[in-house]
Structures are given as structure tokens and as C-alpha cells.
PDB file of N, CA and C in Angstrom:
ATOM      1  N   GLY A   1      18.283  -1.341  13.194  1.00  0.00           N
ATOM      2  CA  GLY A   1      18.260  -2.592  13.980  1.00  0.00           C
ATOM      3  C   GLY A   1      18.877  -3.429  12.709  1.00  0.00           C
ATOM      4  N   ALA A   2      19.680  -4.247  13.489  1.00  0.00           N
ATOM      5  CA  ALA A   2      20.105  -5.425  12.629  1.00  0.00           C
ATOM      6  C   ALA A   2      19.516  -5.659  11.261  1.00  0.00           C
ATOM      7  N   TYR A   3      18.257  -5.898  11.024  1.00  0.00           N
ATOM      8  CA  TYR A   3      17.297  -5.969   9.984  1.00  0.00           C
ATOM      9  C   TYR A   3      17.886  -4.920   8.761  1.00  0.00           C
ATOM     10  N   ARG A   4      18.506  -3.665   9.265  1.00  0.00           N
ATOM     11  CA  ARG A   4      18.589  -2.319   8.320  1.00  0.00           C
ATOM     12  C   ARG A   4      20.105  -2.752   8.026  1.00  0.00           C
ATOM     13  N   ALA A   5      20.589  -2.976   8.999  1.00  0.00           N
ATOM     14  CA  ALA A   5      22.421  -3.319   8.624  1.00  0.00           C
ATOM     15  C   ALA A   5      22.444  -4.229   7.885  1.00  0.00           C
ATOM     16  N   ALA A   6      21.707  -5.982   8.409  1.00  0.00           N
ATOM     17  CA  ALA A   6      22.136  -6.585   7.032  1.00  0.00           C
ATOM     18  C   ALA A   6      21.246  -5.983   5.405  1.00  0.00           C
ATOM     19  N   LEU A   7      21.013  -5.534   5.462  1.00  0.00           N
ATOM     20  CA  LEU A   7      20.114  -5.163   3.947  1.00  0.00           C
ATOM     21  C   LEU A   7      20.785  -3.905   3.493  1.00  0.00           C
ATOM     22  N   SER A   8      21.555  -3.759   4.166  1.00  0.00           N
ATOM     23  CA  SER A   8      22.550  -2.536   3.953  1.00  0.00           C
ATOM     24  C   SER A   8      24.030  -3.190   3.286  1.00  0.00           C
ATOM     25  N   LEU A   9      24.183  -4.611   3.647  1.00  0.00           N
ATOM     26  CA  LEU A   9      25.492  -5.275   2.598  1.00  0.00           C
ATOM     27  C   LEU A   9      24.762  -5.952   1.936  1.00  0.00           C
ATOM     28  N   HIS A  10      23.198  -6.746   1.932  1.00  0.00           N
ATOM     29  CA  HIS A  10      22.564  -7.372   1.414  1.00  0.00           C
ATOM     30  C   HIS A  10      20.925  -7.301   0.908  1.00  0.00           C
ATOM     31  N   PRO A  11      20.998  -6.109   0.169  1.00  0.00           N
ATOM     32  CA  PRO A  11      19.319  -5.389  -0.408  1.00  0.00           C
ATOM     33  C   PRO A  11      18.332  -6.788  -0.918  1.00  0.00           C
ATOM     34  N   ALA A  12      18.662  -7.248  -0.746  1.00  0.00           N
ATOM     35  CA  ALA A  12      17.804  -8.825  -1.302  1.00  0.00           C
ATOM     36  C   ALA A  12      17.927  -9.452  -0.552  1.00  0.00           C
ATOM     37  N   HIS A  13      18.148  -9.438   1.069  1.00  0.00           N
ATOM     38  CA  HIS A  13      18.191 -10.621   2.061  1.00  0.00           C
ATOM     39  C   HIS A  13      16.999 -11.015   2.200  1.00  0.00           C
ATOM     40  N   ALA A  14      15.901 -11.421   1.552  1.00  0.00           N
ATOM     41  CA  ALA A  14      14.705 -12.694   1.688  1.00  0.00           C
ATOM     42  C   ALA A  14      14.559 -11.821   3.144  1.00  0.00           C
ATOM     43  N   ARG A  15      14.888 -12.678   3.997  1.00  0.00           N
ATOM     44  CA  ARG A  15      14.308 -13.161   5.615  1.00  0.00           C
ATOM     45  C   ARG A  15      14.624 -11.770   6.320  1.00  0.00           C
ATOM     46  N   ALA A  16      15.374 -10.977   6.142  1.00  0.00           N
ATOM     47  CA  ALA A  16      15.649  -9.979   6.581  1.00  0.00           C
ATOM     48  C   ALA A  16      14.276  -9.198   5.879  1.00  0.00           C
ATOM     49  N   LEU A  17      13.964  -8.946   4.785  1.00  0.00           N
ATOM     50  CA  LEU A  17      13.128  -8.301   4.806  1.00  0.00           C
ATOM     51  C   LEU A  17      11.732  -8.203   4.370  1.00  0.00           C
ATOM     52  N   ASN A  18      11.638  -9.747   4.795  1.00  0.00           N
ATOM     53  CA  ASN A  18      10.261 -10.629   5.638  1.00  0.00           C
ATOM     54  C   ASN A  18      10.123 -10.082   6.999  1.00  0.00           C
ATOM     55  N   ASN A  19      11.021 -10.486   7.734  1.00  0.00           N
ATOM     56  CA  ASN A  19      11.170 -10.220   9.078  1.00  0.00           C
ATOM     57  C   ASN A  19      11.154  -8.466   9.450  1.00  0.00           C
ATOM     58  N   LEU A  20      11.993  -7.727   8.552  1.00  0.00           N
ATOM     59  CA  LEU A  20      11.611  -5.977   9.130  1.00  0.00           C
ATOM     60  C   LEU A  20       9.910  -5.605   8.233  1.00  0.00           C
ATOM     61  N   ALA A  21       9.244  -6.589   7.269  1.00  0.00           N
ATOM     62  CA  ALA A  21       8.329  -6.351   6.669  1.00  0.00           C
ATOM     63  C   ALA A  21       6.871  -6.586   8.114  1.00  0.00           C
ATOM     64  N   SER A  22       7.286  -7.614   8.764  1.00  0.00           N
ATOM     65  CA  SER A  22       6.575  -8.104  10.239  1.00  0.00           C
ATOM     66  C   SER A  22       6.391  -7.047  11.088  1.00  0.00           C
ATOM     67  N   MET A  23       7.947  -6.193  11.701  1.00  0.00           N
ATOM     68  CA  MET A  23       8.005  -5.184  12.420  1.00  0.00           C
ATOM     69  C   MET A  23       7.221  -4.155  12.088  1.00  0.00           C
ATOM     70  N   ARG A  24       7.076  -4.302  10.550  1.00  0.00           N
ATOM     71  CA  ARG A  24       6.586  -2.865  10.039  1.00  0.00           C
ATOM     72  C   ARG A  24       5.468  -2.776  10.347  1.00  0.00           C
ATOM     73  N   VAL A  25       4.228  -4.308  10.108  1.00  0.00           N
ATOM     74  CA  VAL A  25       2.904  -4.457  10.734  1.00  0.00           C
ATOM     75  C   VAL A  25       2.583  -4.165  11.608  1.00  0.00           C
ATOM     76  N   ALA A  26       3.253  -4.609  12.819  1.00  0.00           N
ATOM     77  CA  ALA A  26       3.593  -4.126  14.073  1.00  0.00           C
ATOM     78  C   ALA A  26       3.687  -3.235  14.591  1.00  0.00           C
ATOM     79  N   ALA A  27       3.820  -2.196  13.794  1.00  0.00           N
ATOM     80  CA  ALA A  27       3.883  -0.357  14.163  1.00  0.00           C
ATOM     81  C   ALA A  27       3.292   0.036  13.359  1.00  0.00           C
ATOM     82  N   GLY A  28       1.968  -0.590  12.555  1.00  0.00           N
ATOM     83  CA  GLY A  28       1.041   0.226  12.095  1.00  0.00           C
ATOM     84  C   GLY A  28       1.225   0.353  10.780  1.00  0.00           C
ATOM     85  N   ARG A  29       2.231   0.164  10.030  1.00  0.00           N
ATOM     86  CA  ARG A  29       2.439   0.896   8.466  1.00  0.00           C
ATOM     87  C   ARG A  29       2.105  -0.191   8.041  1.00  0.00           C
ATOM     88  N   GLN A  30       1.196  -1.122   7.298  1.00  0.00           N
ATOM     89  CA  GLN A  30       0.544  -1.550   6.726  1.00  0.00           C
ATOM     90  C   GLN A  30       1.261  -1.857   5.285  1.00  0.00           C
ATOM     91  N   GLU A  31       1.074  -0.880   4.316  1.00  0.00           N
ATOM     92  CA  GLU A  31       1.383  -0.104   2.775  1.00  0.00           C
ATOM     93  C   GLU A  31       2.538  -0.514   3.198  1.00  0.00           C
ATOM     94  N   GLU A  32       3.248  -0.176   3.758  1.00  0.00           N
ATOM     95  CA  GLU A  32       4.891   0.053   4.132  1.00  0.00           C
ATOM     96  C   GLU A  32       4.949  -1.503   3.954  1.00  0.00           C
ATOM     97  N   ALA A  33       4.886  -2.294   4.869  1.00  0.00           N
ATOM     98  CA  ALA A  33       4.978  -3.879   5.183  1.00  0.00           C
ATOM     99  C   ALA A  33       4.757  -4.498   3.477  1.00  0.00           C
ATOM    100  N   LEU A  34       3.874  -3.972   3.056  1.00  0.00           N
ATOM    101  CA  LEU A  34       3.054  -4.899   2.063  1.00  0.00           C
ATOM    102  C   LEU A  34       4.442  -4.589   0.910  1.00  0.00           C
ATOM    103  N   LYS A  35       4.792  -3.892   0.583  1.00  0.00           N
ATOM    104  CA  LYS A  35       6.180  -3.675  -0.158  1.00  0.00           C
ATOM    105  C   LYS A  35       7.432  -4.346   0.506  1.00  0.00           C
ATOM    106  N   LEU A  36       7.581  -4.379   1.525  1.00  0.00           N
ATOM    107  CA  LEU A  36       8.749  -5.330   2.320  1.00  0.00           C
ATOM    108  C   LEU A  36       8.387  -6.872   1.538  1.00  0.00           C
ATOM    109  N   TYR A  37       7.286  -7.161   1.758  1.00  0.00           N
ATOM    110  CA  TYR A  37       6.921  -8.576   1.681  1.00  0.00           C
ATOM    111  C   TYR A  37       6.869  -9.281   0.268  1.00  0.00           C
ATOM    112  N   ARG A  38       6.516  -8.053  -0.750  1.00  0.00           N
ATOM    113  CA  ARG A  38       6.559  -8.554  -2.233  1.00  0.00           C
ATOM    114  C   ARG A  38       7.719  -8.519  -2.370  1.00  0.00           C
ATOM    115  N   ARG A  39       9.065  -7.573  -1.917  1.00  0.00           N
ATOM    116  CA  ARG A  39      10.519  -7.300  -2.016  1.00  0.00           C
ATOM    117  C   ARG A  39      10.955  -8.365  -1.562  1.00  0.00           C
ATOM    118  N   ALA A  40      10.630  -8.933  -0.355  1.00  0.00           N
ATOM    119  CA  ALA A  40      10.758 -10.525   0.119  1.00  0.00           C
ATOM    120  C   ALA A  40      11.083 -11.452  -1.291  1.00  0.00           C
ATOM    121  N   ILE A  41      10.262 -11.779  -1.696  1.00  0.00           N
ATOM    122  CA  ILE A  41       9.160 -12.469  -2.591  1.00  0.00           C
ATOM    123  C   ILE A  41       9.902 -12.513  -3.691  1.00  0.00           C
ATOM    124  N   GLU A  42      10.221 -11.439  -4.041  1.00  0.00           N
ATOM    125  CA  GLU A  42      11.306 -10.985  -4.962  1.00  0.00           C
ATOM    126  C   GLU A  42      12.615 -11.826  -5.419  1.00  0.00           C
ATOM    127  N   ALA A  43      13.210 -11.295  -3.917  1.00  0.00           N
ATOM    128  CA  ALA A  43      14.360 -11.511  -3.477  1.00  0.00           C
ATOM    129  C   ALA A  43      14.526 -13.781  -3.549  1.00  0.00           C
ATOM    130  N   ASP A  44      13.612 -14.241  -2.836  1.00  0.00           N
ATOM    131  CA  ASP A  44      13.512 -15.484  -2.843  1.00  0.00           C
ATOM    132  C   ASP A  44      12.087 -15.870  -3.474  1.00  0.00           C
ATOM    133  N   PRO A  45      11.416 -16.071  -4.161  1.00  0.00           N
ATOM    134  CA  PRO A  45      10.301 -16.631  -5.037  1.00  0.00           C
ATOM    135  C   PRO A  45       9.528 -18.223  -4.153  1.00  0.00           C
ATOM    136  N   ASN A  46      10.658 -18.642  -3.836  1.00  0.00           N
ATOM    137  CA  ASN A  46      10.217 -19.484  -2.772  1.00  0.00           C
ATOM    138  C   ASN A  46      10.448 -19.843  -1.469  1.00  0.00           C
ATOM    139  N   MET A  47      10.266 -18.497  -0.963  1.00  0.00           N
ATOM    140  CA  MET A  47       9.897 -18.511   0.659  1.00  0.00           C
ATOM    141  C   MET A  47       8.475 -18.395   1.072  1.00  0.00           C
ATOM    142  N   TYR A  48       7.906 -19.162   0.842  1.00  0.00           N
ATOM    143  CA  TYR A  48       6.444 -19.320   1.309  1.00  0.00           C
ATOM    144  C   TYR A  48       5.959 -18.729   2.399  1.00  0.00           C
ATOM    145  N   GLU A  49       6.908 -18.015   3.608  1.00  0.00           N
ATOM    146  CA  GLU A  49       6.867 -18.044   4.838  1.00  0.00           C
ATOM    147  C   GLU A  49       6.310 -16.531   4.021  1.00  0.00           C
ATOM    148  N   ALA A  50       6.878 -15.992   3.394  1.00  0.00           N
ATOM    149  CA  ALA A  50       6.680 -14.529   2.433  1.00  0.00           C
ATOM    150  C   ALA A  50       5.054 -13.659   2.293  1.00  0.00           C
ATOM    151  N   TYR A  51       5.204 -15.133   1.660  1.00  0.00           N
ATOM    152  CA  TYR A  51       3.609 -15.786   0.349  1.00  0.00           C
ATOM    153  C   TYR A  51       2.681 -15.181   1.488  1.00  0.00           C
ATOM    154  N   ASN A  52       2.991 -15.655   3.089  1.00  0.00           N
ATOM    155  CA  ASN A  52       1.744 -16.457   3.572  1.00  0.00           C
ATOM    156  C   ASN A  52       1.532 -15.251   4.476  1.00  0.00           C
ATOM    157  N   ASN A  53       2.785 -13.887   5.081  1.00  0.00           N
ATOM    158  CA  ASN A  53       2.769 -12.877   5.767  1.00  0.00           C
ATOM    159  C   ASN A  53       2.075 -12.089   4.998  1.00  0.00           C
ATOM    160  N   LEU A  54       2.617 -12.419   3.625  1.00  0.00           N
ATOM    161  CA  LEU A  54       1.716 -10.711   2.732  1.00  0.00           C
ATOM    162  C   LEU A  54       0.337 -11.313   2.206  1.00  0.00           C
ATOM    163  N   GLY A  55      -0.299 -12.442   2.442  1.00  0.00           N
ATOM    164  CA  GLY A  55      -1.388 -12.642   2.136  1.00  0.00           C
ATOM    165  C   GLY A  55      -2.002 -12.626   3.922  1.00  0.00           C
ATOM    166  N   GLY A  56      -1.783 -13.124   4.799  1.00  0.00           N
ATOM    167  CA  GLY A  56      -2.136 -12.309   6.243  1.00  0.00           C
ATOM    168  C   GLY A  56      -2.232 -11.331   6.280  1.00  0.00           C
ATOM    169  N   GLN A  57      -1.751 -10.021   5.916  1.00  0.00           N
ATOM    170  CA  GLN A  57      -1.546  -9.058   5.790  1.00  0.00           C
ATOM    171  C   GLN A  57      -2.656  -8.172   4.495  1.00  0.00           C
ATOM    172  N   LEU A  58      -3.060  -9.161   3.897  1.00  0.00           N
ATOM    173  CA  LEU A  58      -4.023  -8.157   2.783  1.00  0.00           C
ATOM    174  C   LEU A  58      -5.138  -9.140   3.418  1.00  0.00           C
ATOM    175  N   LEU A  59      -4.846 -10.001   4.231  1.00  0.00           N
ATOM    176  CA  LEU A  59      -6.683 -10.551   4.764  1.00  0.00           C
ATOM    177  C   LEU A  59      -7.027  -9.485   5.782  1.00  0.00           C
ATOM    178  N   ALA A  60      -5.997  -9.259   6.370  1.00  0.00           N
ATOM    179  CA  ALA A  60      -5.852  -8.093   7.818  1.00  0.00           C
ATOM    180  C   ALA A  60      -6.159  -7.325   7.448  1.00  0.00           C
ATOM    181  N   MET A  61      -6.206  -6.651   6.232  1.00  0.00           N
ATOM    182  CA  MET A  61      -6.701  -5.436   5.623  1.00  0.00           C
ATOM    183  C   MET A  61      -7.667  -5.116   4.990  1.00  0.00           C
ATOM    184  N   GLY A  62      -8.586  -6.496   5.370  1.00  0.00           N
ATOM    185  CA  GLY A  62      -9.489  -6.580   4.255  1.00  0.00           C
ATOM    186  C   GLY A  62      -9.705  -6.500   2.699  1.00  0.00           C
ATOM    187  N   LYS A  63      -8.568  -6.959   2.170  1.00  0.00           N
ATOM    188  CA  LYS A  63      -8.252  -7.278   0.645  1.00  0.00           C
ATOM    189  C   LYS A  63      -8.558  -9.139   0.687  1.00  0.00           C
ATOM    190  N   ALA A  64      -9.194  -9.248   0.898  1.00  0.00           N
ATOM    191  CA  ALA A  64      -9.476 -10.800   0.540  1.00  0.00           C
ATOM    192  C   ALA A  64      -8.988 -11.212  -0.912  1.00  0.00           C
ATOM    193  N   ALA A  65      -9.762 -10.695  -1.440  1.00  0.00           N
ATOM    194  CA  ALA A  65      -9.680 -10.853  -3.166  1.00  0.00           C
ATOM    195  C   ALA A  65      -8.317 -11.070  -3.916  1.00  0.00           C
ATOM    196  N   ASP A  66      -7.078 -10.336  -2.948  1.00  0.00           N
ATOM    197  CA  ASP A  66      -5.751  -9.894  -3.234  1.00  0.00           C
ATOM    198  C   ASP A  66      -5.296 -11.336  -2.759  1.00  0.00           C
ATOM    199  N   ALA A  67      -5.775 -11.651  -1.552  1.00  0.00           N
ATOM    200  CA  ALA A  67      -4.723 -12.338  -0.820  1.00  0.00           C
ATOM    201  C   ALA A  67      -5.050 -13.411  -1.057  1.00  0.00           C
ATOM    202  N   GLU A  68      -6.348 -13.852  -1.538  1.00  0.00           N
ATOM    203  CA  GLU A  68      -6.804 -15.666  -2.098  1.00  0.00           C
ATOM    204  C   GLU A  68      -4.942 -16.447  -3.252  1.00  0.00           C
ATOM    205  N   PRO A  69      -5.172 -15.547  -4.479  1.00  0.00           N
ATOM    206  CA  PRO A  69      -3.796 -16.273  -4.962  1.00  0.00           C
ATOM    207  C   PRO A  69      -2.984 -15.854  -4.943  1.00  0.00           C
ATOM    208  N   VAL A  70      -2.399 -15.256  -4.120  1.00  0.00           N
ATOM    209  CA  VAL A  70      -1.042 -14.811  -2.896  1.00  0.00           C
ATOM    210  C   VAL A  70      -1.393 -16.688  -2.226  1.00  0.00           C
ATOM    211  N   LEU A  71      -1.599 -16.836  -1.173  1.00  0.00           N
ATOM    212  CA  LEU A  71      -2.037 -17.507  -1.017  1.00  0.00           C
ATOM    213  C   LEU A  71      -2.061 -19.044  -1.402  1.00  0.00           C
ATOM    214  N   ARG A  72      -3.110 -18.872  -2.274  1.00  0.00           N
ATOM    215  CA  ARG A  72      -2.780 -20.642  -3.220  1.00  0.00           C
ATOM    216  C   ARG A  72      -1.539 -21.332  -3.431  1.00  0.00           C
ATOM    217  N   PHE A  73      -0.852 -19.767  -4.094  1.00  0.00           N
ATOM    218  CA  PHE A  73       0.795 -19.921  -4.832  1.00  0.00           C
ATOM    219  C   PHE A  73       0.868 -20.232  -3.149  1.00  0.00           C
ATOM    220  N   ALA A  74       1.217 -20.003  -2.650  1.00  0.00           N
ATOM    221  CA  ALA A  74       1.968 -20.053  -1.181  1.00  0.00           C
ATOM    222  C   ALA A  74       1.556 -22.011  -0.989  1.00  0.00           C
ATOM    223  N   VAL A  75       0.298 -22.479  -0.965  1.00  0.00           N
ATOM    224  CA  VAL A  75      -0.351 -24.060  -0.604  1.00  0.00           C
ATOM    225  C   VAL A  75       0.717 -24.480  -1.557  1.00  0.00           C
ATOM    226  N   SER A  76       0.413 -23.967  -2.997  1.00  0.00           N
ATOM    227  CA  SER A  76       1.057 -25.234  -4.049  1.00  0.00           C
ATOM    228  C   SER A  76       2.735 -25.254  -3.655  1.00  0.00           C
ATOM    229  N   MET A  77       3.492 -24.209  -2.492  1.00  0.00           N
ATOM    230  CA  MET A  77       4.773 -24.777  -3.026  1.00  0.00           C
ATOM    231  C   MET A  77       4.809 -25.738  -1.334  1.00  0.00           C
ATOM    232  N   GLU A  78       4.029 -25.423  -0.292  1.00  0.00           N
ATOM    233  CA  GLU A  78       4.469 -25.805   1.214  1.00  0.00           C
ATOM    234  C   GLU A  78       2.731 -26.152   1.291  1.00  0.00           C
ATOM    235  N   GLY A  79       2.260 -27.141   0.899  1.00  0.00           N
ATOM    236  CA  GLY A  79       0.393 -27.104   1.291  1.00  0.00           C
ATOM    237  C   GLY A  79       0.197 -27.817   2.468  1.00  0.00           C
ATOM    238  N   SER A  80       1.597 -28.693   3.413  1.00  0.00           N
ATOM    239  CA  SER A  80       1.579 -28.843   4.888  1.00  0.00           C
ATOM    240  C   SER A  80       1.249 -27.616   5.347  1.00  0.00           C
ATOM    241  N   GLU A  81       1.500 -26.590   5.264  1.00  0.00           N
ATOM    242  CA  GLU A  81       1.429 -25.904   6.556  1.00  0.00           C
ATOM    243  C   GLU A  81       0.160 -25.480   7.192  1.00  0.00           C
ATOM    244  N   PRO A  82      -0.289 -25.506   8.192  1.00  0.00           N
ATOM    245  CA  PRO A  82      -1.109 -25.322   8.971  1.00  0.00           C
ATOM    246  C   PRO A  82      -1.635 -24.328   8.950  1.00  0.00           C
ATOM    247  N   GLN A  83      -0.454 -22.685   8.310  1.00  0.00           N
ATOM    248  CA  GLN A  83      -1.279 -21.428   8.858  1.00  0.00           C
ATOM    249  C   GLN A  83      -1.400 -21.023   7.931  1.00  0.00           C
ATOM    250  N   LEU A  84      -0.933 -21.395   6.538  1.00  0.00           N
ATOM    251  CA  LEU A  84      -0.811 -21.144   4.594  1.00  0.00           C
ATOM    252  C   LEU A  84      -2.613 -21.549   5.222  1.00  0.00           C
ATOM    253  N   LEU A  85      -2.700 -23.222   5.123  1.00  0.00           N
ATOM    254  CA  LEU A  85      -4.003 -23.617   4.790  1.00  0.00           C
ATOM    255  C   LEU A  85      -5.004 -22.662   5.727  1.00  0.00           C
ATOM    256  N   PHE A  86      -5.326 -22.062   6.807  1.00  0.00           N
ATOM    257  CA  PHE A  86      -6.206 -21.412   7.595  1.00  0.00           C
ATOM    258  C   PHE A  86      -5.901 -20.232   6.837  1.00  0.00           C
ATOM    259  N   ASN A  87      -4.755 -19.507   6.327  1.00  0.00           N
ATOM    260  CA  ASN A  87      -5.107 -18.133   5.967  1.00  0.00           C
ATOM    261  C   ASN A  87      -6.005 -18.650   4.503  1.00  0.00           C
ATOM    262  N   LEU A  88      -5.453 -19.270   3.663  1.00  0.00           N
ATOM    263  CA  LEU A  88      -6.163 -19.538   2.476  1.00  0.00           C
ATOM    264  C   LEU A  88      -7.538 -19.852   2.612  1.00  0.00           C
ATOM    265  N   GLY A  89      -8.149 -20.235   3.676  1.00  0.00           N
ATOM    266  CA  GLY A  89      -9.630 -20.395   4.374  1.00  0.00           C
ATOM    267  C   GLY A  89     -10.026 -19.373   4.210  1.00  0.00           C
ATOM    268  N   LEU A  90      -9.474 -18.551   5.426  1.00  0.00           N
ATOM    269  CA  LEU A  90     -10.323 -17.509   5.571  1.00  0.00           C
ATOM    270  C   LEU A  90     -10.443 -16.248   4.128  1.00  0.00           C
ATOM    271  N   ALA A  91      -9.164 -16.691   3.222  1.00  0.00           N
ATOM    272  CA  ALA A  91      -9.246 -15.923   1.753  1.00  0.00           C
ATOM    273  C   ALA A  91     -10.765 -16.145   1.224  1.00  0.00           C
ATOM    274  N   ILE A  92     -10.861 -17.911   1.039  1.00  0.00           N
ATOM    275  CA  ILE A  92     -11.824 -17.946   0.320  1.00  0.00           C
ATOM    276  C   ILE A  92     -13.212 -17.330   0.742  1.00  0.00           C
ATOM    277  N   ARG A  93     -12.973 -17.988   1.940  1.00  0.00           N
ATOM    278  CA  ARG A  93     -14.223 -16.867   2.711  1.00  0.00           C
ATOM    279  C   ARG A  93     -14.753 -15.948   2.389  1.00  0.00           C
ATOM    280  N   GLY A  94     -13.557 -15.103   2.517  1.00  0.00           N
ATOM    281  CA  GLY A  94     -13.300 -13.360   2.477  1.00  0.00           C
ATOM    282  C   GLY A  94     -14.363 -13.140   1.457  1.00  0.00           C
ATOM    283  N   VAL A  95     -14.087 -14.148   0.552  1.00  0.00           N
ATOM    284  CA  VAL A  95     -14.877 -13.069  -1.153  1.00  0.00           C
ATOM    285  C   VAL A  95     -16.264 -14.421  -1.600  1.00  0.00           C
ATOM    286  N   GLY A  96     -16.178 -15.198  -0.659  1.00  0.00           N
ATOM    287  CA  GLY A  96     -17.623 -15.890  -0.285  1.00  0.00           C
ATOM    288  C   GLY A  96     -17.755 -17.168  -0.859  1.00  0.00           C
ATOM    289  N   ARG A  97     -16.264 -17.789  -0.742  1.00  0.00           N
ATOM    290  CA  ARG A  97     -16.809 -18.715  -2.090  1.00  0.00           C
ATOM    291  C   ARG A  97     -17.088 -20.380  -1.129  1.00  0.00           C
ATOM    292  N   GLY A  98     -16.292 -19.493   0.703  1.00  0.00           N
ATOM    293  CA  GLY A  98     -16.590 -20.573   1.573  1.00  0.00           C
ATOM    294  C   GLY A  98     -18.011 -20.889   2.215  1.00  0.00           C
ATOM    295  N   PRO A  99     -17.684 -21.320   3.143  1.00  0.00           N
ATOM    296  CA  PRO A  99     -18.972 -21.533   3.872  1.00  0.00           C
ATOM    297  C   PRO A  99     -19.310 -20.886   4.792  1.00  0.00           C
TER     298      PRO A  99
END
């Protein structure tokens, strides 16, 4: 599709990697999605959306302890984003430090 075409021209296109990862999640391919989210972060370390998506996917996989530092970092970049704050709250609660 379009994301693969974009990646064939520019393999480190963070937005395309992030969106392709989200498509992998929808297709039930979680491990592949995690790798793509991490590649998106490598391509653009300032793209808080990729951190949020990675953290959210880790949460969905029951890995709150892995998600928490990812989400904390994302909140340090974009602390006013409600979805980040929500996901961080879920991670904190998931590791037993929240209400």
C-alpha cells in the first residue's frame, strides 16, 4: 500500500512507520507493530505519537511495566496531550502504584 511505497523511498519515514504499525495492530500482528513503533521512534525521537502508540500497545499486551517508562518519556515531551496522560495513568495503575 501507500505506506510501503513511502517506506521504499524513505525507509526511515517516521509517520509512515507509525501508521503501518497501527495497521499491524489492527491485523493482530502485535509483535511486528512493536518493532515498527520502535523504528518510528528511532527515525524521529521527537514524535510523541509513536511513543504513545508503543506504550498503548504494550499496555494492551499486558506489559504495563514496559509501557510506563515509554509513556513517562512521551509525557515529558508533550505533557498536555490527554491520551498520553490517560495511558500513563493506566500504566501506573497496571504496575500497582496507582489507586
